[in-house]
Amino acid sequence: MNGGQLIEINQMVPKRRQIKTPARLKSPIIKDMARHYQDLLEIARLVSWCTNRDYLIKTCLDHIGKRLRKRARCCLMEGEKLKLQCWVGKYKRPIEQVQICQESIVWKVVGKGVPLNLTDPHDTEGYRHTLGEEIKIKAIIPLWYVDPLTQEERRVGALIVDSGREGVPISDEDFEYLKVIGELIGAATGKAEIVEQLEDLYRRKNAIVKETADSFRNRIVALGILSRRIARFGKNTDLAHYARMLLSEIQELEAHLERFEKYIGI
């Protein structure tokens, strides 16, 4: 084959097409979607290892504040009450531990478990507002998780996002983004509650084991004292012999108890 033929064959081979990735695309919409997904991935990674509920919620709210440039706050259940625990953005007064009004639309959303995006001021008529400033345009996302033991859905609070007095509605795209964030916060809250329950069980188990070990030790000591006295009073009789045998067994039991306490870290 000569050089001319080689050139002709090479010309028949199509050039390899470059596959465009989102990073190479110039569309602002694609770039914005990539940033949203990056936020979600970062939060999901945080949920996978972090057991500090408050830190995780604050991180989620920071992402929302930076991405949407809106105020965001989170209220959590405390017994039968809903209380504001964390927030980003400017408010007229401190809102930490402020109790959500029972007649608030937030309670309705938490009760139904369905996210709500309020874009019309008339949608909040008939409801009371928790904060001094009556913000009617906002998104409310119920927070929930599934209990791994009972498989029951547990509602733990709500995520509330608004634009303050600006009253700028939340777009459908941002609302979908907030619903995913709400699911991640709910999962993190559930994980934190389960970890707290496990830690409580661990502390209770340790307390029970320590109490049981102390009770055994006290009785073993009492039996050792009695067997020594019997051996001393019985002198060379069969009773003294049996008392020494009993004392030997008690000493062996004491040694087992010491090894047990070292093993469980008492």
C-alpha atoms as a PDB file:
ATOM      1  CA  MET A   1       0.000   0.000   0.000  1.00  0.00           C
ATOM      2  CA  ASN A   2       1.456   3.373  -0.987  1.00  0.00           C
ATOM      3  CA  GLY A   3       1.217   6.698   0.807  1.00  0.00           C
ATOM      4  CA  GLY A   4      -1.666   7.964  -1.332  1.00  0.00           C
ATOM      5  CA  GLN A   5      -3.840   4.997  -0.450  1.00  0.00           C
ATOM      6  CA  LEU A   6      -3.110   5.478   3.249  1.00  0.00           C
ATOM      7  CA  ILE A   7      -4.295   9.071   3.086  1.00  0.00           C
ATOM      8  CA  GLU A   8      -7.470   8.031   1.297  1.00  0.00           C
ATOM      9  CA  ILE A   9      -8.337   5.413   3.934  1.00  0.00           C
ATOM     10  CA  ASN A  10      -7.714   7.836   6.793  1.00  0.00           C
ATOM     11  CA  GLN A  11     -10.080  10.315   5.192  1.00  0.00           C
ATOM     12  CA  MET A  12     -12.838   7.704   5.281  1.00  0.00           C
ATOM     13  CA  VAL A  13     -12.606   7.350   9.092  1.00  0.00           C
ATOM     14  CA  PRO A  14     -14.975   9.901  10.773  1.00  0.00           C
ATOM     15  CA  LYS A  15     -13.508  12.203  13.347  1.00  0.00           C
ATOM     16  CA  ARG A  16     -14.291  11.318  16.977  1.00  0.00           C
ATOM     17  CA  ARG A  17     -17.098  13.502  18.297  1.00  0.00           C
ATOM     18  CA  GLN A  18     -16.584  15.260  21.605  1.00  0.00           C
ATOM     19  CA  ILE A  19     -19.315  14.555  24.119  1.00  0.00           C
ATOM     20  CA  LYS A  20     -20.278  17.742  25.851  1.00  0.00           C
ATOM     21  CA  THR A  21     -20.536  17.610  29.623  1.00  0.00           C
ATOM     22  CA  PRO A  22     -22.561  20.042  31.752  1.00  0.00           C
ATOM     23  CA  ALA A  23     -19.319  21.834  32.627  1.00  0.00           C
ATOM     24  CA  ARG A  24     -18.763  22.655  28.947  1.00  0.00           C
ATOM     25  CA  LEU A  25     -22.303  23.844  28.321  1.00  0.00           C
ATOM     26  CA  LYS A  26     -22.835  27.585  28.435  1.00  0.00           C
ATOM     27  CA  SER A  27     -26.564  27.563  29.212  1.00  0.00           C
ATOM     28  CA  PRO A  28     -27.318  29.457  32.485  1.00  0.00           C
ATOM     29  CA  ILE A  29     -30.164  27.002  33.156  1.00  0.00           C
ATOM     30  CA  ILE A  30     -27.808  24.016  32.955  1.00  0.00           C
ATOM     31  CA  LYS A  31     -25.263  25.747  35.170  1.00  0.00           C
ATOM     32  CA  ASP A  32     -27.938  26.572  37.726  1.00  0.00           C
ATOM     33  CA  MET A  33     -29.173  22.959  37.710  1.00  0.00           C
ATOM     34  CA  ALA A  34     -25.593  21.750  38.222  1.00  0.00           C
ATOM     35  CA  ARG A  35     -25.233  24.049  41.242  1.00  0.00           C
ATOM     36  CA  HIS A  36     -28.507  22.751  42.685  1.00  0.00           C
ATOM     37  CA  TYR A  37     -27.393  19.146  42.254  1.00  0.00           C
ATOM     38  CA  GLN A  38     -24.031  19.973  43.808  1.00  0.00           C
ATOM     39  CA  ASP A  39     -25.836  21.355  46.864  1.00  0.00           C
ATOM     40  CA  LEU A  40     -27.945  18.225  47.133  1.00  0.00           C
ATOM     41  CA  LEU A  41     -24.913  15.951  46.814  1.00  0.00           C
ATOM     42  CA  GLU A  42     -23.041  17.857  49.517  1.00  0.00           C
ATOM     43  CA  ILE A  43     -26.031  17.684  51.878  1.00  0.00           C
ATOM     44  CA  ALA A  44     -26.601  13.987  51.104  1.00  0.00           C
ATOM     45  CA  ARG A  45     -22.972  13.249  51.951  1.00  0.00           C
ATOM     46  CA  LEU A  46     -23.388  15.187  55.182  1.00  0.00           C
ATOM     47  CA  VAL A  47     -26.506  13.180  56.072  1.00  0.00           C
ATOM     48  CA  SER A  48     -24.569   9.939  55.514  1.00  0.00           C
ATOM     49  CA  TRP A  49     -22.014  10.603  58.290  1.00  0.00           C
ATOM     50  CA  CYS A  50     -23.174  13.529  60.444  1.00  0.00           C
ATOM     51  CA  THR A  51     -25.262  12.822  63.550  1.00  0.00           C
ATOM     52  CA  ASN A  52     -25.340  16.443  64.727  1.00  0.00           C
ATOM     53  CA  ARG A  53     -28.874  17.427  63.742  1.00  0.00           C
ATOM     54  CA  ASP A  54     -28.533  21.162  64.450  1.00  0.00           C
ATOM     55  CA  TYR A  55     -25.300  21.479  62.447  1.00  0.00           C
ATOM     56  CA  LEU A  56     -26.821  19.675  59.492  1.00  0.00           C
ATOM     57  CA  ILE A  57     -30.003  21.766  59.509  1.00  0.00           C
ATOM     58  CA  LYS A  58     -27.978  24.991  59.713  1.00  0.00           C
ATOM     59  CA  THR A  59     -25.874  23.821  56.752  1.00  0.00           C
ATOM     60  CA  CYS A  60     -29.025  23.110  54.715  1.00  0.00           C
ATOM     61  CA  LEU A  61     -30.478  26.532  55.522  1.00  0.00           C
ATOM     62  CA  ASP A  62     -27.200  28.212  54.565  1.00  0.00           C
ATOM     63  CA  HIS A  63     -27.347  26.486  51.163  1.00  0.00           C
ATOM     64  CA  ILE A  64     -30.934  27.658  50.692  1.00  0.00           C
ATOM     65  CA  GLY A  65     -30.101  31.223  51.701  1.00  0.00           C
ATOM     66  CA  LYS A  66     -27.150  31.449  49.320  1.00  0.00           C
ATOM     67  CA  ARG A  67     -28.822  29.660  46.402  1.00  0.00           C
ATOM     68  CA  LEU A  68     -32.304  31.227  46.518  1.00  0.00           C
ATOM     69  CA  ARG A  69     -31.465  34.473  48.364  1.00  0.00           C
ATOM     70  CA  LYS A  70     -34.458  33.951  50.619  1.00  0.00           C
ATOM     71  CA  ARG A  71     -35.076  33.601  54.327  1.00  0.00           C
ATOM     72  CA  ALA A  72     -35.296  30.040  55.612  1.00  0.00           C
ATOM     73  CA  ARG A  73     -36.190  28.619  59.008  1.00  0.00           C
ATOM     74  CA  CYS A  74     -36.830  25.222  60.491  1.00  0.00           C
ATOM     75  CA  CYS A  75     -39.318  24.286  63.200  1.00  0.00           C
ATOM     76  CA  LEU A  76     -39.219  20.926  64.985  1.00  0.00           C
ATOM     77  CA  MET A  77     -41.623  18.990  67.157  1.00  0.00           C
ATOM     78  CA  GLU A  78     -41.027  19.073  70.905  1.00  0.00           C
ATOM     79  CA  GLY A  79     -43.670  16.832  72.390  1.00  0.00           C
ATOM     80  CA  GLU A  80     -46.958  18.317  71.177  1.00  0.00           C
ATOM     81  CA  LYS A  81     -45.431  21.691  70.234  1.00  0.00           C
ATOM     82  CA  LEU A  82     -43.740  23.053  67.117  1.00  0.00           C
ATOM     83  CA  LYS A  83     -40.820  25.363  67.886  1.00  0.00           C
ATOM     84  CA  LEU A  84     -38.470  27.358  65.660  1.00  0.00           C
ATOM     85  CA  GLN A  85     -34.965  25.944  66.075  1.00  0.00           C
ATOM     86  CA  CYS A  86     -32.773  27.387  63.327  1.00  0.00           C
ATOM     87  CA  TRP A  87     -32.930  30.113  60.683  1.00  0.00           C
ATOM     88  CA  VAL A  88     -31.036  32.196  58.144  1.00  0.00           C
ATOM     89  CA  GLY A  89     -31.919  35.701  56.984  1.00  0.00           C
ATOM     90  CA  LYS A  90     -32.967  38.871  58.778  1.00  0.00           C
ATOM     91  CA  TYR A  91     -35.902  38.948  61.178  1.00  0.00           C
ATOM     92  CA  LYS A  92     -37.293  41.787  63.271  1.00  0.00           C
ATOM     93  CA  ARG A  93     -36.741  39.914  66.526  1.00  0.00           C
ATOM     94  CA  PRO A  94     -35.054  36.713  67.772  1.00  0.00           C
ATOM     95  CA  ILE A  95     -37.109  33.681  66.826  1.00  0.00           C
ATOM     96  CA  GLU A  96     -35.242  30.869  68.580  1.00  0.00           C
ATOM     97  CA  GLN A  97     -37.626  28.540  70.426  1.00  0.00           C
ATOM     98  CA  VAL A  98     -40.614  30.634  69.320  1.00  0.00           C
ATOM     99  CA  GLN A  99     -43.644  28.347  69.347  1.00  0.00           C
ATOM    100  CA  ILE A 100     -45.578  28.008  66.080  1.00  0.00           C
ATOM    101  CA  CYS A 101     -49.126  29.264  66.506  1.00  0.00           C
ATOM    102  CA  GLN A 102     -51.666  26.407  66.510  1.00  0.00           C
ATOM    103  CA  GLU A 103     -53.845  28.358  64.058  1.00  0.00           C
ATOM    104  CA  SER A 104     -50.905  28.792  61.655  1.00  0.00           C
ATOM    105  CA  ILE A 105     -51.010  27.269  58.185  1.00  0.00           C
ATOM    106  CA  VAL A 106     -47.707  25.576  59.112  1.00  0.00           C
ATOM    107  CA  TRP A 107     -49.588  23.243  61.439  1.00  0.00           C
ATOM    108  CA  LYS A 108     -51.976  22.347  58.606  1.00  0.00           C
ATOM    109  CA  VAL A 109     -49.062  21.442  56.322  1.00  0.00           C
ATOM    110  CA  VAL A 110     -47.354  19.356  59.014  1.00  0.00           C
ATOM    111  CA  GLY A 111     -50.632  17.596  59.785  1.00  0.00           C
ATOM    112  CA  LYS A 112     -51.365  16.726  56.147  1.00  0.00           C
ATOM    113  CA  GLY A 113     -47.728  15.980  55.306  1.00  0.00           C
ATOM    114  CA  VAL A 114     -48.029  17.643  51.875  1.00  0.00           C
ATOM    115  CA  PRO A 115     -45.645  20.468  50.782  1.00  0.00           C
ATOM    116  CA  LEU A 116     -47.348  23.774  50.000  1.00  0.00           C
ATOM    117  CA  ASN A 117     -46.103  26.689  47.891  1.00  0.00           C
ATOM    118  CA  LEU A 118     -48.101  29.829  48.702  1.00  0.00           C
ATOM    119  CA  THR A 119     -47.994  32.280  45.797  1.00  0.00           C
ATOM    120  CA  ASP A 120     -51.308  34.059  46.388  1.00  0.00           C
ATOM    121  CA  PRO A 121     -51.780  36.218  49.527  1.00  0.00           C
ATOM    122  CA  HIS A 122     -55.422  35.124  49.720  1.00  0.00           C
ATOM    123  CA  ASP A 123     -54.321  31.515  50.349  1.00  0.00           C
ATOM    124  CA  THR A 124     -53.391  32.395  53.933  1.00  0.00           C
ATOM    125  CA  GLU A 125     -56.688  34.068  54.824  1.00  0.00           C
ATOM    126  CA  GLY A 126     -58.231  32.581  57.947  1.00  0.00           C
ATOM    127  CA  TYR A 127     -54.861  31.579  59.410  1.00  0.00           C
ATOM    128  CA  ARG A 128     -52.852  33.295  62.131  1.00  0.00           C
ATOM    129  CA  HIS A 129     -49.174  34.172  61.723  1.00  0.00           C
ATOM    130  CA  THR A 130     -46.503  33.187  64.227  1.00  0.00           C
ATOM    131  CA  LEU A 131     -44.086  36.028  63.494  1.00  0.00           C
ATOM    132  CA  GLY A 132     -44.895  39.671  64.026  1.00  0.00           C
ATOM    133  CA  GLU A 133     -44.612  40.370  60.286  1.00  0.00           C
ATOM    134  CA  GLU A 134     -47.357  38.604  58.369  1.00  0.00           C
ATOM    135  CA  ILE A 135     -45.509  36.985  55.474  1.00  0.00           C
ATOM    136  CA  LYS A 136     -48.103  35.395  53.197  1.00  0.00           C
ATOM    137  CA  ILE A 137     -45.908  34.358  50.243  1.00  0.00           C
ATOM    138  CA  LYS A 138     -43.810  31.352  51.261  1.00  0.00           C
ATOM    139  CA  ALA A 139     -43.144  27.648  50.812  1.00  0.00           C
ATOM    140  CA  ILE A 140     -43.754  25.165  53.634  1.00  0.00           C
ATOM    141  CA  ILE A 141     -42.173  21.711  53.461  1.00  0.00           C
ATOM    142  CA  PRO A 142     -43.157  19.096  56.077  1.00  0.00           C
ATOM    143  CA  LEU A 143     -40.240  17.178  57.572  1.00  0.00           C
ATOM    144  CA  TRP A 144     -40.634  13.440  58.109  1.00  0.00           C
ATOM    145  CA  TYR A 145     -38.819  10.125  58.153  1.00  0.00           C
ATOM    146  CA  VAL A 146     -39.723   6.442  58.254  1.00  0.00           C
ATOM    147  CA  ASP A 147     -38.987   4.664  61.529  1.00  0.00           C
ATOM    148  CA  PRO A 148     -36.770   1.665  60.570  1.00  0.00           C
ATOM    149  CA  LEU A 149     -38.259  -0.508  63.322  1.00  0.00           C
ATOM    150  CA  THR A 150     -41.995   0.184  62.963  1.00  0.00           C
ATOM    151  CA  GLN A 151     -41.919   1.355  59.305  1.00  0.00           C
ATOM    152  CA  GLU A 152     -44.225   4.173  60.396  1.00  0.00           C
ATOM    153  CA  GLU A 153     -43.929   7.695  59.021  1.00  0.00           C
ATOM    154  CA  ARG A 154     -42.961  10.172  61.720  1.00  0.00           C
ATOM    155  CA  ARG A 155     -43.520  13.890  61.137  1.00  0.00           C
ATOM    156  CA  VAL A 156     -40.916  15.940  62.928  1.00  0.00           C
ATOM    157  CA  GLY A 157     -41.397  19.536  61.806  1.00  0.00           C
ATOM    158  CA  ALA A 158     -41.359  21.870  58.820  1.00  0.00           C
ATOM    159  CA  LEU A 159     -39.035  23.877  56.599  1.00  0.00           C
ATOM    160  CA  ILE A 160     -40.311  27.397  55.843  1.00  0.00           C
ATOM    161  CA  VAL A 161     -38.815  29.603  53.114  1.00  0.00           C
ATOM    162  CA  ASP A 162     -39.900  33.141  52.174  1.00  0.00           C
ATOM    163  CA  SER A 163     -38.649  36.393  50.661  1.00  0.00           C
ATOM    164  CA  GLY A 164     -39.603  38.584  53.594  1.00  0.00           C
ATOM    165  CA  ARG A 165     -41.466  41.778  52.757  1.00  0.00           C
ATOM    166  CA  GLU A 166     -40.369  41.517  49.122  1.00  0.00           C
ATOM    167  CA  GLY A 167     -43.086  38.928  48.588  1.00  0.00           C
ATOM    168  CA  VAL A 168     -41.350  37.255  45.633  1.00  0.00           C
ATOM    169  CA  PRO A 169     -42.978  33.837  45.039  1.00  0.00           C
ATOM    170  CA  ILE A 170     -40.869  30.708  44.930  1.00  0.00           C
ATOM    171  CA  SER A 171     -40.633  29.235  41.439  1.00  0.00           C
ATOM    172  CA  ASP A 172     -41.772  25.695  40.663  1.00  0.00           C
ATOM    173  CA  GLU A 173     -38.162  24.659  40.065  1.00  0.00           C
ATOM    174  CA  ASP A 174     -36.999  26.067  43.410  1.00  0.00           C
ATOM    175  CA  PHE A 175     -40.001  24.472  45.109  1.00  0.00           C
ATOM    176  CA  GLU A 176     -38.929  21.040  43.818  1.00  0.00           C
ATOM    177  CA  TYR A 177     -35.415  21.772  45.065  1.00  0.00           C
ATOM    178  CA  LEU A 178     -36.789  22.645  48.512  1.00  0.00           C
ATOM    179  CA  LYS A 179     -38.823  19.429  48.654  1.00  0.00           C
ATOM    180  CA  VAL A 180     -35.645  17.397  48.160  1.00  0.00           C
ATOM    181  CA  ILE A 181     -33.860  19.458  50.817  1.00  0.00           C
ATOM    182  CA  GLY A 182     -36.823  18.815  53.133  1.00  0.00           C
ATOM    183  CA  GLU A 183     -36.526  15.060  52.621  1.00  0.00           C
ATOM    184  CA  LEU A 184     -32.820  15.202  53.446  1.00  0.00           C
ATOM    185  CA  ILE A 185     -33.440  17.263  56.602  1.00  0.00           C
ATOM    186  CA  GLY A 186     -36.168  14.817  57.647  1.00  0.00           C
ATOM    187  CA  ALA A 187     -33.837  11.861  57.109  1.00  0.00           C
ATOM    188  CA  ALA A 188     -31.105  13.599  59.119  1.00  0.00           C
ATOM    189  CA  THR A 189     -33.521  14.390  61.941  1.00  0.00           C
ATOM    190  CA  GLY A 190     -34.672  10.781  62.037  1.00  0.00           C
ATOM    191  CA  LYS A 191     -31.099   9.529  62.046  1.00  0.00           C
ATOM    192  CA  ALA A 192     -30.208  11.876  64.910  1.00  0.00           C
ATOM    193  CA  GLU A 193     -33.220  10.700  66.929  1.00  0.00           C
ATOM    194  CA  ILE A 194     -32.336   7.034  66.365  1.00  0.00           C
ATOM    195  CA  VAL A 195     -28.704   7.653  67.363  1.00  0.00           C
ATOM    196  CA  GLU A 196     -29.910   9.448  70.486  1.00  0.00           C
ATOM    197  CA  GLN A 197     -32.154   6.484  71.357  1.00  0.00           C
ATOM    198  CA  LEU A 198     -29.256   4.061  70.832  1.00  0.00           C
ATOM    199  CA  GLU A 199     -26.981   6.173  73.042  1.00  0.00           C
ATOM    200  CA  ASP A 200     -29.669   6.242  75.728  1.00  0.00           C
ATOM    201  CA  LEU A 201     -30.062   2.456  75.517  1.00  0.00           C
ATOM    202  CA  TYR A 202     -26.273   2.079  75.758  1.00  0.00           C
ATOM    203  CA  ARG A 203     -26.128   4.260  78.883  1.00  0.00           C
ATOM    204  CA  ARG A 204     -29.036   2.372  80.468  1.00  0.00           C
ATOM    205  CA  LYS A 205     -27.426  -0.981  79.620  1.00  0.00           C
ATOM    206  CA  ASN A 206     -24.155   0.086  81.199  1.00  0.00           C
ATOM    207  CA  ALA A 207     -25.955   1.294  84.328  1.00  0.00           C
ATOM    208  CA  ILE A 208     -27.846  -2.014  84.650  1.00  0.00           C
ATOM    209  CA  VAL A 209     -24.696  -4.095  84.118  1.00  0.00           C
ATOM    210  CA  LYS A 210     -22.737  -2.030  86.647  1.00  0.00           C
ATOM    211  CA  GLU A 211     -25.530  -2.304  89.211  1.00  0.00           C
ATOM    212  CA  THR A 212     -25.736  -6.076  88.676  1.00  0.00           C
ATOM    213  CA  ALA A 213     -21.953  -6.496  88.937  1.00  0.00           C
ATOM    214  CA  ASP A 214     -21.867  -4.445  92.161  1.00  0.00           C
ATOM    215  CA  SER A 215     -24.681  -6.549  93.616  1.00  0.00           C
ATOM    216  CA  PHE A 216     -22.829  -9.786  92.782  1.00  0.00           C
ATOM    217  CA  ARG A 217     -19.596  -8.456  94.262  1.00  0.00           C
ATOM    218  CA  ASN A 218     -21.276  -7.457  97.528  1.00  0.00           C
ATOM    219  CA  ARG A 219     -22.792 -10.899  97.951  1.00  0.00           C
ATOM    220  CA  ILE A 220     -19.572 -12.684  96.988  1.00  0.00           C
ATOM    221  CA  VAL A 221     -17.684 -10.672  99.604  1.00  0.00           C
ATOM    222  CA  ALA A 222     -20.313 -11.555 102.225  1.00  0.00           C
ATOM    223  CA  LEU A 223     -20.091 -15.254 101.388  1.00  0.00           C
ATOM    224  CA  GLY A 224     -16.266 -15.122 101.548  1.00  0.00           C
ATOM    225  CA  ILE A 225     -16.374 -13.591 105.038  1.00  0.00           C
ATOM    226  CA  LEU A 226     -18.828 -16.219 106.263  1.00  0.00           C
ATOM    227  CA  SER A 227     -16.841 -19.132 104.809  1.00  0.00           C
ATOM    228  CA  ARG A 228     -13.616 -17.884 106.456  1.00  0.00           C
ATOM    229  CA  ARG A 229     -15.327 -17.642 109.839  1.00  0.00           C
ATOM    230  CA  ILE A 230     -16.777 -21.126 109.504  1.00  0.00           C
ATOM    231  CA  ALA A 231     -13.367 -22.546 108.562  1.00  0.00           C
ATOM    232  CA  ARG A 232     -11.761 -20.844 111.586  1.00  0.00           C
ATOM    233  CA  PHE A 233     -14.404 -21.993 114.045  1.00  0.00           C
ATOM    234  CA  GLY A 234     -14.601 -25.519 112.673  1.00  0.00           C
ATOM    235  CA  LYS A 235     -10.812 -26.036 112.943  1.00  0.00           C
ATOM    236  CA  ASN A 236      -9.972 -29.550 111.673  1.00  0.00           C
ATOM    237  CA  THR A 237     -13.535 -30.821 111.340  1.00  0.00           C
ATOM    238  CA  ASP A 238     -15.360 -31.752 108.135  1.00  0.00           C
ATOM    239  CA  LEU A 239     -17.218 -28.468 108.437  1.00  0.00           C
ATOM    240  CA  ALA A 240     -13.939 -26.548 108.150  1.00  0.00           C
ATOM    241  CA  HIS A 241     -12.980 -28.631 105.127  1.00  0.00           C
ATOM    242  CA  TYR A 242     -16.233 -27.819 103.368  1.00  0.00           C
ATOM    243  CA  ALA A 243     -15.878 -24.151 104.322  1.00  0.00           C
ATOM    244  CA  ARG A 244     -12.417 -24.026 102.711  1.00  0.00           C
ATOM    245  CA  MET A 245     -13.836 -25.644  99.569  1.00  0.00           C
ATOM    246  CA  LEU A 246     -16.611 -23.042  99.541  1.00  0.00           C
ATOM    247  CA  LEU A 247     -14.058 -20.252  99.997  1.00  0.00           C
ATOM    248  CA  SER A 248     -12.038 -21.586  97.041  1.00  0.00           C
ATOM    249  CA  GLU A 249     -15.136 -21.498  94.836  1.00  0.00           C
ATOM    250  CA  ILE A 250     -15.934 -17.976  95.998  1.00  0.00           C
ATOM    251  CA  GLN A 251     -12.406 -16.786  95.168  1.00  0.00           C
ATOM    252  CA  GLU A 252     -12.742 -18.310  91.718  1.00  0.00           C
ATOM    253  CA  LEU A 253     -16.059 -16.518  91.289  1.00  0.00           C
ATOM    254  CA  GLU A 254     -14.426 -13.232  92.330  1.00  0.00           C
ATOM    255  CA  ALA A 255     -11.761 -13.724  89.673  1.00  0.00           C
ATOM    256  CA  HIS A 256     -14.438 -14.338  87.012  1.00  0.00           C
ATOM    257  CA  LEU A 257     -16.280 -11.210  88.107  1.00  0.00           C
ATOM    258  CA  GLU A 258     -13.103  -9.116  87.839  1.00  0.00           C
ATOM    259  CA  ARG A 259     -12.484 -10.382  84.303  1.00  0.00           C
ATOM    260  CA  PHE A 260     -16.106  -9.627  83.398  1.00  0.00           C
ATOM    261  CA  GLU A 261     -15.854  -6.054  84.710  1.00  0.00           C
ATOM    262  CA  LYS A 262     -12.631  -5.461  82.750  1.00  0.00           C
ATOM    263  CA  TYR A 263     -14.256  -6.866  79.613  1.00  0.00           C
ATOM    264  CA  ILE A 264     -17.264  -4.531  79.731  1.00  0.00           C
ATOM    265  CA  GLY A 265     -15.141  -1.595  80.896  1.00  0.00           C
ATOM    266  CA  ILE A 266     -16.584  -1.018  84.362  1.00  0.00           C
END
